[in-house]
C-alpha atoms as a PDB file:
ATOM      1  CA  MET A   1      -8.515  -2.041   9.909  1.00  0.00           C
ATOM      2  CA  PRO A   2      -4.682  -0.552  11.314  1.00  0.00           C
ATOM      3  CA  SER A   3      -4.176  -0.996  14.948  1.00  0.00           C
ATOM      4  CA  PRO A   4      -3.720   2.429  17.663  1.00  0.00           C
ATOM      5  CA  GLY A   5      -0.114   3.467  16.554  1.00  0.00           C
ATOM      6  CA  ASP A   6       0.061   2.547  13.701  1.00  0.00           C
ATOM      7  CA  ASN A   7       2.073   4.832  10.563  1.00  0.00           C
ATOM      8  CA  ILE A   8       1.059   5.132   7.277  1.00  0.00           C
ATOM      9  CA  PHE A   9       3.573   4.543   4.180  1.00  0.00           C
ATOM     10  CA  VAL A  10       3.701   6.068   0.878  1.00  0.00           C
ATOM     11  CA  CYS A  11       5.558   3.188  -1.001  1.00  0.00           C
ATOM     12  CA  ILE A  12       6.534   3.952  -4.726  1.00  0.00           C
ATOM     13  CA  SER A  13       7.711   1.658  -6.944  1.00  0.00           C
ATOM     14  CA  GLN A  14       9.385   1.736  -9.746  1.00  0.00           C
ATOM     15  CA  TYR A  15       9.431  -0.460 -12.307  1.00  0.00           C
ATOM     16  CA  MET A  16      13.138  -2.337 -13.291  1.00  0.00           C
ATOM     17  CA  LYS A  17      11.418  -4.315 -16.541  1.00  0.00           C
ATOM     18  CA  PRO A  18      10.130  -3.634 -19.171  1.00  0.00           C
ATOM     19  CA  LEU A  19       5.651  -3.126 -19.345  1.00  0.00           C
ATOM     20  CA  SER A  20       4.629  -5.815 -20.777  1.00  0.00           C
ATOM     21  CA  GLU A  21       6.958  -8.042 -18.133  1.00  0.00           C
ATOM     22  CA  VAL A  22       4.950  -6.608 -15.435  1.00  0.00           C
ATOM     23  CA  ASP A  23       2.410  -7.230 -16.735  1.00  0.00           C
ATOM     24  CA  ALA A  24       2.847 -10.871 -16.532  1.00  0.00           C
ATOM     25  CA  HIS A  25       2.319 -10.614 -12.766  1.00  0.00           C
ATOM     26  CA  LEU A  26       0.235  -8.205 -12.809  1.00  0.00           C
ATOM     27  CA  PRO A  27      -2.860 -10.342 -11.765  1.00  0.00           C
ATOM     28  CA  ALA A  28      -0.683 -11.909  -8.839  1.00  0.00           C
ATOM     29  CA  HIS A  29       0.164  -8.613  -8.107  1.00  0.00           C
ATOM     30  CA  MET A  30      -3.695  -7.573  -7.609  1.00  0.00           C
ATOM     31  CA  GLU A  31      -4.066 -10.303  -5.679  1.00  0.00           C
ATOM     32  CA  TRP A  32      -1.609  -9.366  -2.960  1.00  0.00           C
ATOM     33  CA  LEU A  33      -3.564  -6.106  -3.023  1.00  0.00           C
ATOM     34  CA  GLN A  34      -6.598  -7.846  -2.361  1.00  0.00           C
ATOM     35  CA  GLU A  35      -4.762  -9.820   0.578  1.00  0.00           C
ATOM     36  CA  GLN A  36      -3.564  -6.547   1.814  1.00  0.00           C
ATOM     37  CA  ASP A  37      -6.606  -4.861   2.064  1.00  0.00           C
ATOM     38  CA  ARG A  38      -8.365  -7.559   3.430  1.00  0.00           C
ATOM     39  CA  ALA A  39      -5.863  -7.715   6.365  1.00  0.00           C
ATOM     40  CA  GLY A  40      -6.076  -4.229   6.754  1.00  0.00           C
ATOM     41  CA  ARG A  41      -3.279  -2.748   5.542  1.00  0.00           C
ATOM     42  CA  THR A  42      -4.465  -0.698   2.271  1.00  0.00           C
ATOM     43  CA  ILE A  43      -5.447   3.053   2.612  1.00  0.00           C
ATOM     44  CA  ALA A  44      -5.367   3.543  -1.507  1.00  0.00           C
ATOM     45  CA  THR A  45      -3.312   2.235  -4.239  1.00  0.00           C
ATOM     46  CA  GLY A  46      -2.929   2.890  -8.235  1.00  0.00           C
ATOM     47  CA  ARG A  47      -0.453   2.898 -10.576  1.00  0.00           C
ATOM     48  CA  GLN A  48       1.156   6.163 -11.560  1.00  0.00           C
ATOM     49  CA  VAL A  49       0.040   8.105 -15.056  1.00  0.00           C
ATOM     50  CA  SER A  50       3.465   7.835 -16.509  1.00  0.00           C
ATOM     51  CA  GLY A  51       3.019   3.787 -16.336  1.00  0.00           C
ATOM     52  CA  THR A  52       6.511   3.806 -14.679  1.00  0.00           C
ATOM     53  CA  GLY A  53       5.476   1.893 -11.619  1.00  0.00           C
ATOM     54  CA  GLY A  54       3.308   2.820  -9.182  1.00  0.00           C
ATOM     55  CA  VAL A  55       1.560   4.096  -5.542  1.00  0.00           C
ATOM     56  CA  ASN A  56       0.344   2.260  -2.500  1.00  0.00           C
ATOM     57  CA  LEU A  57      -0.690   4.238   0.797  1.00  0.00           C
ATOM     58  CA  MET A  58       0.008   1.815   3.276  1.00  0.00           C
ATOM     59  CA  ALA A  59      -0.881   1.035   7.526  1.00  0.00           C
ATOM     60  CA  ALA A  60       2.381  -1.064   9.259  1.00  0.00           C
ATOM     61  CA  ARG A  61       3.172  -0.831  13.010  1.00  0.00           C
ATOM     62  CA  ASP A  62       7.002   0.055  11.277  1.00  0.00           C
ATOM     63  CA  ARG A  63       9.229  -0.015   8.863  1.00  0.00           C
ATOM     64  CA  ASN A  64      10.469  -3.239   9.184  1.00  0.00           C
ATOM     65  CA  GLU A  65       7.241  -4.252   9.409  1.00  0.00           C
ATOM     66  CA  MET A  66       6.526  -2.370   5.757  1.00  0.00           C
ATOM     67  CA  LEU A  67       9.713  -3.654   4.112  1.00  0.00           C
ATOM     68  CA  GLU A  68       8.561  -7.443   5.248  1.00  0.00           C
ATOM     69  CA  ILE A  69       4.956  -6.926   2.649  1.00  0.00           C
ATOM     70  CA  LEU A  70       6.042  -5.086   0.621  1.00  0.00           C
ATOM     71  CA  GLY A  71       8.516  -8.316  -0.317  1.00  0.00           C
ATOM     72  CA  THR A  72       6.264 -10.366  -1.282  1.00  0.00           C
ATOM     73  CA  ASP A  73       4.238  -7.990  -3.620  1.00  0.00           C
ATOM     74  CA  PRO A  74       5.370 -10.144  -6.898  1.00  0.00           C
ATOM     75  CA  PHE A  75       6.388  -7.647  -8.330  1.00  0.00           C
ATOM     76  CA  GLN A  76       9.187  -7.520  -5.913  1.00  0.00           C
ATOM     77  CA  VAL A  77       9.620 -11.113  -5.888  1.00  0.00           C
ATOM     78  CA  HIS A  78      10.019 -11.087  -9.842  1.00  0.00           C
ATOM     79  CA  GLY A  79      12.892  -8.136  -9.894  1.00  0.00           C
ATOM     80  CA  CYS A  80       9.934  -6.480 -11.470  1.00  0.00           C
ATOM     81  CA  SER A  81       9.588  -3.935  -9.072  1.00  0.00           C
ATOM     82  CA  SER A  82      11.835  -2.155  -5.819  1.00  0.00           C
ATOM     83  CA  TYR A  83       9.656   0.786  -3.432  1.00  0.00           C
ATOM     84  CA  TRP A  84      10.946   4.093  -2.512  1.00  0.00           C
ATOM     85  CA  ILE A  85       9.465   4.208   1.593  1.00  0.00           C
ATOM     86  CA  PHE A  86       7.867   7.088   3.287  1.00  0.00           C
ATOM     87  CA  GLU A  87       7.559   6.744   6.223  1.00  0.00           C
ATOM     88  CA  PHE A  88       4.759   9.698   8.381  1.00  0.00           C
ATOM     89  CA  GLU A  89       2.877   9.481  12.116  1.00  0.00           C
ATOM     90  CA  LEU A  90      -1.184  11.275  11.462  1.00  0.00           C
ATOM     91  CA  ASN A  91      -1.991  14.229  12.665  1.00  0.00           C
ATOM     92  CA  PRO A  92      -3.321  14.124  15.941  1.00  0.00           C
ATOM     93  CA  ASP A  93      -7.814  14.166  16.182  1.00  0.00           C
ATOM     94  CA  PRO A  94      -8.956  15.638  14.600  1.00  0.00           C
ATOM     95  CA  ALA A  95      -6.764  16.932  12.414  1.00  0.00           C
ATOM     96  CA  LYS A  96      -5.931  13.744  10.264  1.00  0.00           C
ATOM     97  CA  GLY A  97      -7.745  14.871   7.782  1.00  0.00           C
ATOM     98  CA  ARG A  98     -11.371  13.064   5.406  1.00  0.00           C
ATOM     99  CA  LEU A  99      -9.835   9.594   4.142  1.00  0.00           C
ATOM    100  CA  MET A 100      -7.417   9.269   7.542  1.00  0.00           C
ATOM    101  CA  ASP A 101     -10.784   9.814   9.448  1.00  0.00           C
ATOM    102  CA  TYR A 102     -12.830   7.305   7.578  1.00  0.00           C
ATOM    103  CA  PHE A 103     -10.082   4.448   7.343  1.00  0.00           C
ATOM    104  CA  PHE A 104     -10.251   4.594  10.955  1.00  0.00           C
ATOM    105  CA  SER A 105     -13.572   4.926  11.285  1.00  0.00           C
ATOM    106  CA  ASP A 106     -16.131   1.695  11.655  1.00  0.00           C
ATOM    107  CA  ALA A 107     -17.693   1.994   8.357  1.00  0.00           C
ATOM    108  CA  PHE A 108     -14.639   1.674   6.717  1.00  0.00           C
ATOM    109  CA  SER A 109     -13.559  -1.944   8.735  1.00  0.00           C
ATOM    110  CA  ALA A 110     -16.942  -3.293   8.363  1.00  0.00           C
ATOM    111  CA  GLY A 111     -16.867  -2.766   4.287  1.00  0.00           C
ATOM    112  CA  ALA A 112     -19.558  -0.267   3.621  1.00  0.00           C
ATOM    113  CA  PRO A 113     -19.522   1.589   0.682  1.00  0.00           C
END
């Protein structure tokens, strides 16, 4: 679960290498995503429908921390992708939206379905 004051980041990756090379690092990337989830940083992740990259919604204190986190992604470590990073602050309560209300809830942090 994110800490109070964390901002939300939309991290859009663009593949820099052929998909066959990207996919060779997919198991390590998926493990990296699970690590981020266990650390409470992940909101939602997925591959773009076009197959040209991915999208990660994540939480971090600031842009520098987000850059450090993304720098450990195996896709980035192996030069398979680069990121566009968009940071935003959440609207104040109660206007966060249902997804964010759940993300910041006790049920989410407890791992409830």
